[in-house]
Amino acid sequence: MSNLQTPQHLLNALKAAVKQPTADELRDQSVSFIMGSVGMDSGITRADVEQALSMNQSRAKKVA
């Protein structure tokens, strides 16, 4: 068995590079995922998806 260890400076660099996505980034990612899932011939627009997400988020806040 080998005794390999990752140097601490590399571990520190990895920790510093980790960034939690912002709410806007998560929303954009959700819109992109949905648009990719529904297909181009569905007739659903990006604005439709954004509106549906907004409505869903509003409902979730009322429940919470």
PDB file of N, CA and C in Angstrom:
ATOM      1  N   MET A   1       0.817  -1.181   0.000  1.00  0.00           N
ATOM      2  CA  MET A   1       0.000   0.000   0.000  1.00  0.00           C
ATOM      3  C   MET A   1       0.862   1.247   0.000  1.00  0.00           C
ATOM      4  N   SER A   2       0.493   2.228  -0.813  1.00  0.00           N
ATOM      5  CA  SER A   2       1.276   3.459  -0.855  1.00  0.00           C
ATOM      6  C   SER A   2       0.756   4.445   0.183  1.00  0.00           C
ATOM      7  N   ASN A   3       1.583   5.374   0.504  1.00  0.00           N
ATOM      8  CA  ASN A   3       1.252   6.377   1.514  1.00  0.00           C
ATOM      9  C   ASN A   3       1.183   7.751   0.851  1.00  0.00           C
ATOM     10  N   LEU A   4       0.381   7.866  -0.213  1.00  0.00           N
ATOM     11  CA  LEU A   4       0.263   9.131  -0.937  1.00  0.00           C
ATOM     12  C   LEU A   4      -0.635  10.091  -0.177  1.00  0.00           C
ATOM     13  N   GLN A   5      -0.232  11.353  -0.158  1.00  0.00           N
ATOM     14  CA  GLN A   5      -1.040  12.388   0.475  1.00  0.00           C
ATOM     15  C   GLN A   5      -1.050  13.614  -0.432  1.00  0.00           C
ATOM     16  N   THR A   6      -2.182  14.265  -0.490  1.00  0.00           N
ATOM     17  CA  THR A   6      -2.299  15.491  -1.271  1.00  0.00           C
ATOM     18  C   THR A   6      -1.677  16.631  -0.472  1.00  0.00           C
ATOM     19  N   PRO A   7      -0.811  17.407  -1.117  1.00  0.00           N
ATOM     20  CA  PRO A   7      -0.189  18.529  -0.410  1.00  0.00           C
ATOM     21  C   PRO A   7      -1.246  19.516   0.101  1.00  0.00           C
ATOM     22  N   GLN A   8      -1.006  20.061   1.263  1.00  0.00           N
ATOM     23  CA  GLN A   8      -1.963  20.959   1.898  1.00  0.00           C
ATOM     24  C   GLN A   8      -2.250  22.186   1.038  1.00  0.00           C
ATOM     25  N   HIS A   9      -1.270  22.717   0.330  1.00  0.00           N
ATOM     26  CA  HIS A   9      -1.508  23.909  -0.495  1.00  0.00           C
ATOM     27  C   HIS A   9      -2.495  23.613  -1.626  1.00  0.00           C
ATOM     28  N   LEU A  10      -2.489  22.369  -2.129  1.00  0.00           N
ATOM     29  CA  LEU A  10      -3.464  22.004  -3.155  1.00  0.00           C
ATOM     30  C   LEU A  10      -4.863  21.853  -2.553  1.00  0.00           C
ATOM     31  N   LEU A  11      -4.955  21.275  -1.387  1.00  0.00           N
ATOM     32  CA  LEU A  11      -6.242  21.165  -0.704  1.00  0.00           C
ATOM     33  C   LEU A  11      -6.815  22.550  -0.406  1.00  0.00           C
ATOM     34  N   ASN A  12      -5.959  23.462   0.027  1.00  0.00           N
ATOM     35  CA  ASN A  12      -6.404  24.834   0.305  1.00  0.00           C
ATOM     36  C   ASN A  12      -6.887  25.519  -0.972  1.00  0.00           C
ATOM     37  N   ALA A  13      -6.201  25.291  -2.077  1.00  0.00           N
ATOM     38  CA  ALA A  13      -6.599  25.891  -3.351  1.00  0.00           C
ATOM     39  C   ALA A  13      -7.958  25.342  -3.804  1.00  0.00           C
ATOM     40  N   LEU A  14      -8.173  24.057  -3.600  1.00  0.00           N
ATOM     41  CA  LEU A  14      -9.462  23.467  -3.956  1.00  0.00           C
ATOM     42  C   LEU A  14     -10.590  24.051  -3.115  1.00  0.00           C
ATOM     43  N   LYS A  15     -10.368  24.195  -1.839  1.00  0.00           N
ATOM     44  CA  LYS A  15     -11.382  24.775  -0.963  1.00  0.00           C
ATOM     45  C   LYS A  15     -11.693  26.211  -1.359  1.00  0.00           C
ATOM     46  N   ALA A  16     -10.674  26.964  -1.723  1.00  0.00           N
ATOM     47  CA  ALA A  16     -10.875  28.353  -2.121  1.00  0.00           C
ATOM     48  C   ALA A  16     -11.616  28.459  -3.451  1.00  0.00           C
ATOM     49  N   ALA A  17     -11.474  27.448  -4.302  1.00  0.00           N
ATOM     50  CA  ALA A  17     -12.100  27.475  -5.627  1.00  0.00           C
ATOM     51  C   ALA A  17     -13.574  27.099  -5.587  1.00  0.00           C
ATOM     52  N   VAL A  18     -13.999  26.458  -4.521  1.00  0.00           N
ATOM     53  CA  VAL A  18     -15.392  26.037  -4.410  1.00  0.00           C
ATOM     54  C   VAL A  18     -16.262  27.265  -4.187  1.00  0.00           C
ATOM     55  N   LYS A  19     -17.251  27.424  -5.045  1.00  0.00           N
ATOM     56  CA  LYS A  19     -18.131  28.581  -4.968  1.00  0.00           C
ATOM     57  C   LYS A  19     -19.569  28.088  -5.044  1.00  0.00           C
ATOM     58  N   GLN A  20     -20.360  28.489  -4.100  1.00  0.00           N
ATOM     59  CA  GLN A  20     -21.773  28.143  -4.135  1.00  0.00           C
ATOM     60  C   GLN A  20     -22.461  29.023  -5.177  1.00  0.00           C
ATOM     61  N   PRO A  21     -23.304  28.436  -6.007  1.00  0.00           N
ATOM     62  CA  PRO A  21     -23.996  29.241  -7.022  1.00  0.00           C
ATOM     63  C   PRO A  21     -24.985  30.210  -6.364  1.00  0.00           C
ATOM     64  N   THR A  22     -25.138  31.360  -6.990  1.00  0.00           N
ATOM     65  CA  THR A  22     -26.095  32.348  -6.508  1.00  0.00           C
ATOM     66  C   THR A  22     -27.500  31.913  -6.895  1.00  0.00           C
ATOM     67  N   ALA A  23     -28.493  32.563  -6.318  1.00  0.00           N
ATOM     68  CA  ALA A  23     -29.888  32.264  -6.652  1.00  0.00           C
ATOM     69  C   ALA A  23     -30.145  32.507  -8.138  1.00  0.00           C
ATOM     70  N   ASP A  24     -29.567  33.574  -8.679  1.00  0.00           N
ATOM     71  CA  ASP A  24     -29.742  33.873 -10.107  1.00  0.00           C
ATOM     72  C   ASP A  24     -29.108  32.799 -10.986  1.00  0.00           C
ATOM     73  N   GLU A  25     -27.948  32.317 -10.584  1.00  0.00           N
ATOM     74  CA  GLU A  25     -27.287  31.264 -11.357  1.00  0.00           C
ATOM     75  C   GLU A  25     -28.099  29.970 -11.318  1.00  0.00           C
ATOM     76  N   LEU A  26     -28.646  29.639 -10.157  1.00  0.00           N
ATOM     77  CA  LEU A  26     -29.477  28.440 -10.044  1.00  0.00           C
ATOM     78  C   LEU A  26     -30.740  28.570 -10.887  1.00  0.00           C
ATOM     79  N   ARG A  27     -31.324  29.751 -10.887  1.00  0.00           N
ATOM     80  CA  ARG A  27     -32.527  29.988 -11.690  1.00  0.00           C
ATOM     81  C   ARG A  27     -32.214  29.841 -13.178  1.00  0.00           C
ATOM     82  N   ASP A  28     -31.128  30.448 -13.634  1.00  0.00           N
ATOM     83  CA  ASP A  28     -30.719  30.332 -15.038  1.00  0.00           C
ATOM     84  C   ASP A  28     -30.459  28.878 -15.416  1.00  0.00           C
ATOM     85  N   GLN A  29     -29.841  28.144 -14.501  1.00  0.00           N
ATOM     86  CA  GLN A  29     -29.567  26.732 -14.753  1.00  0.00           C
ATOM     87  C   GLN A  29     -30.874  25.943 -14.865  1.00  0.00           C
ATOM     88  N   SER A  30     -31.840  26.266 -14.009  1.00  0.00           N
ATOM     89  CA  SER A  30     -33.141  25.584 -14.064  1.00  0.00           C
ATOM     90  C   SER A  30     -33.852  25.877 -15.374  1.00  0.00           C
ATOM     91  N   VAL A  31     -33.832  27.133 -15.786  1.00  0.00           N
ATOM     92  CA  VAL A  31     -34.478  27.513 -17.050  1.00  0.00           C
ATOM     93  C   VAL A  31     -33.827  26.768 -18.212  1.00  0.00           C
ATOM     94  N   SER A  32     -32.510  26.735 -18.230  1.00  0.00           N
ATOM     95  CA  SER A  32     -31.798  26.042 -19.310  1.00  0.00           C
ATOM     96  C   SER A  32     -32.120  24.553 -19.326  1.00  0.00           C
ATOM     97  N   PHE A  33     -32.175  23.940 -18.144  1.00  0.00           N
ATOM     98  CA  PHE A  33     -32.490  22.520 -18.064  1.00  0.00           C
ATOM     99  C   PHE A  33     -33.892  22.242 -18.598  1.00  0.00           C
ATOM    100  N   ILE A  34     -34.846  23.057 -18.186  1.00  0.00           N
ATOM    101  CA  ILE A  34     -36.230  22.864 -18.632  1.00  0.00           C
ATOM    102  C   ILE A  34     -36.340  23.072 -20.133  1.00  0.00           C
ATOM    103  N   MET A  35     -35.722  24.128 -20.644  1.00  0.00           N
ATOM    104  CA  MET A  35     -35.776  24.391 -22.082  1.00  0.00           C
ATOM    105  C   MET A  35     -35.175  23.235 -22.871  1.00  0.00           C
ATOM    106  N   GLY A  36     -34.097  22.656 -22.362  1.00  0.00           N
ATOM    107  CA  GLY A  36     -33.488  21.516 -23.031  1.00  0.00           C
ATOM    108  C   GLY A  36     -34.349  20.271 -22.970  1.00  0.00           C
ATOM    109  N   SER A  37     -35.165  20.174 -21.934  1.00  0.00           N
ATOM    110  CA  SER A  37     -36.000  18.989 -21.744  1.00  0.00           C
ATOM    111  C   SER A  37     -37.278  19.016 -22.565  1.00  0.00           C
ATOM    112  N   VAL A  38     -37.836  20.205 -22.796  1.00  0.00           N
ATOM    113  CA  VAL A  38     -39.135  20.277 -23.470  1.00  0.00           C
ATOM    114  C   VAL A  38     -39.024  20.157 -24.987  1.00  0.00           C
ATOM    115  N   GLY A  39     -37.884  20.450 -25.533  1.00  0.00           N
ATOM    116  CA  GLY A  39     -37.719  20.334 -26.978  1.00  0.00           C
ATOM    117  C   GLY A  39     -38.094  21.607 -27.711  1.00  0.00           C
ATOM    118  N   MET A  40     -37.491  21.789 -28.865  1.00  0.00           N
ATOM    119  CA  MET A  40     -37.669  23.025 -29.629  1.00  0.00           C
ATOM    120  C   MET A  40     -39.057  23.152 -30.234  1.00  0.00           C
ATOM    121  N   ASP A  41     -39.718  22.058 -30.508  1.00  0.00           N
ATOM    122  CA  ASP A  41     -41.020  22.110 -31.169  1.00  0.00           C
ATOM    123  C   ASP A  41     -42.190  22.151 -30.180  1.00  0.00           C
ATOM    124  N   SER A  42     -41.906  22.363 -28.909  1.00  0.00           N
ATOM    125  CA  SER A  42     -42.957  22.351 -27.886  1.00  0.00           C
ATOM    126  C   SER A  42     -43.785  23.639 -27.890  1.00  0.00           C
ATOM    127  N   GLY A  43     -43.224  24.709 -28.422  1.00  0.00           N
ATOM    128  CA  GLY A  43     -43.923  25.991 -28.398  1.00  0.00           C
ATOM    129  C   GLY A  43     -43.736  26.746 -27.091  1.00  0.00           C
ATOM    130  N   ILE A  44     -43.009  26.150 -26.165  1.00  0.00           N
ATOM    131  CA  ILE A  44     -42.751  26.809 -24.877  1.00  0.00           C
ATOM    132  C   ILE A  44     -41.553  27.726 -25.037  1.00  0.00           C
ATOM    133  N   THR A  45     -41.718  28.964 -24.583  1.00  0.00           N
ATOM    134  CA  THR A  45     -40.635  29.937 -24.684  1.00  0.00           C
ATOM    135  C   THR A  45     -39.897  30.043 -23.356  1.00  0.00           C
ATOM    136  N   ARG A  46     -38.745  30.657 -23.425  1.00  0.00           N
ATOM    137  CA  ARG A  46     -37.959  30.914 -22.213  1.00  0.00           C
ATOM    138  C   ARG A  46     -38.775  31.770 -21.237  1.00  0.00           C
ATOM    139  N   ALA A  47     -39.509  32.732 -21.765  1.00  0.00           N
ATOM    140  CA  ALA A  47     -40.348  33.588 -20.920  1.00  0.00           C
ATOM    141  C   ALA A  47     -41.430  32.766 -20.220  1.00  0.00           C
ATOM    142  N   ASP A  48     -42.005  31.784 -20.922  1.00  0.00           N
ATOM    143  CA  ASP A  48     -43.005  30.905 -20.309  1.00  0.00           C
ATOM    144  C   ASP A  48     -42.411  30.160 -19.113  1.00  0.00           C
ATOM    145  N   VAL A  49     -41.222  29.635 -19.301  1.00  0.00           N
ATOM    146  CA  VAL A  49     -40.557  28.872 -18.250  1.00  0.00           C
ATOM    147  C   VAL A  49     -40.238  29.783 -17.066  1.00  0.00           C
ATOM    148  N   GLU A  50     -39.713  30.969 -17.345  1.00  0.00           N
ATOM    149  CA  GLU A  50     -39.381  31.905 -16.276  1.00  0.00           C
ATOM    150  C   GLU A  50     -40.628  32.302 -15.489  1.00  0.00           C
ATOM    151  N   GLN A  51     -41.731  32.507 -16.193  1.00  0.00           N
ATOM    152  CA  GLN A  51     -42.982  32.866 -15.524  1.00  0.00           C
ATOM    153  C   GLN A  51     -43.467  31.707 -14.643  1.00  0.00           C
ATOM    154  N   ALA A  52     -43.406  30.495 -15.166  1.00  0.00           N
ATOM    155  CA  ALA A  52     -43.843  29.329 -14.394  1.00  0.00           C
ATOM    156  C   ALA A  52     -42.976  29.141 -13.150  1.00  0.00           C
ATOM    157  N   LEU A  53     -41.678  29.353 -13.289  1.00  0.00           N
ATOM    158  CA  LEU A  53     -40.792  29.236 -12.131  1.00  0.00           C
ATOM    159  C   LEU A  53     -41.110  30.311 -11.093  1.00  0.00           C
ATOM    160  N   SER A  54     -41.397  31.513 -11.547  1.00  0.00           N
ATOM    161  CA  SER A  54     -41.752  32.596 -10.627  1.00  0.00           C
ATOM    162  C   SER A  54     -43.026  32.266  -9.861  1.00  0.00           C
ATOM    163  N   MET A  55     -44.025  31.752 -10.566  1.00  0.00           N
ATOM    164  CA  MET A  55     -45.283  31.382  -9.919  1.00  0.00           C
ATOM    165  C   MET A  55     -45.053  30.264  -8.902  1.00  0.00           C
ATOM    166  N   ASN A  56     -44.252  29.291  -9.271  1.00  0.00           N
ATOM    167  CA  ASN A  56     -43.959  28.174  -8.386  1.00  0.00           C
ATOM    168  C   ASN A  56     -43.208  28.654  -7.142  1.00  0.00           C
ATOM    169  N   GLN A  57     -42.271  29.569  -7.329  1.00  0.00           N
ATOM    170  CA  GLN A  57     -41.508  30.105  -6.207  1.00  0.00           C
ATOM    171  C   GLN A  57     -42.400  30.908  -5.267  1.00  0.00           C
ATOM    172  N   SER A  58     -43.351  31.660  -5.827  1.00  0.00           N
ATOM    173  CA  SER A  58     -44.284  32.426  -5.017  1.00  0.00           C
ATOM    174  C   SER A  58     -45.152  31.495  -4.171  1.00  0.00           C
ATOM    175  N   ARG A  59     -45.603  30.413  -4.761  1.00  0.00           N
ATOM    176  CA  ARG A  59     -46.424  29.439  -4.028  1.00  0.00           C
ATOM    177  C   ARG A  59     -45.619  28.789  -2.915  1.00  0.00           C
ATOM    178  N   ALA A  60     -44.363  28.491  -3.201  1.00  0.00           N
ATOM    179  CA  ALA A  60     -43.505  27.843  -2.200  1.00  0.00           C
ATOM    180  C   ALA A  60     -43.294  28.763  -1.004  1.00  0.00           C
ATOM    181  N   LYS A  61     -43.148  30.055  -1.249  1.00  0.00           N
ATOM    182  CA  LYS A  61     -42.951  31.005  -0.148  1.00  0.00           C
ATOM    183  C   LYS A  61     -44.200  31.095   0.719  1.00  0.00           C
ATOM    184  N   LYS A  62     -45.387  30.993   0.115  1.00  0.00           N
ATOM    185  CA  LYS A  62     -46.625  31.050   0.882  1.00  0.00           C
ATOM    186  C   LYS A  62     -46.772  29.850   1.795  1.00  0.00           C
ATOM    187  N   VAL A  63     -46.308  28.692   1.348  1.00  0.00           N
ATOM    188  CA  VAL A  63     -46.422  27.467   2.112  1.00  0.00           C
ATOM    189  C   VAL A  63     -45.418  27.457   3.263  1.00  0.00           C
ATOM    190  N   ALA A  64     -44.246  28.007   3.032  1.00  0.00           N
ATOM    191  CA  ALA A  64     -43.173  27.981   4.033  1.00  0.00           C
ATOM    192  C   ALA A  64     -43.403  28.895   5.196  1.00  0.00           C
TER     193      ALA A  64
END
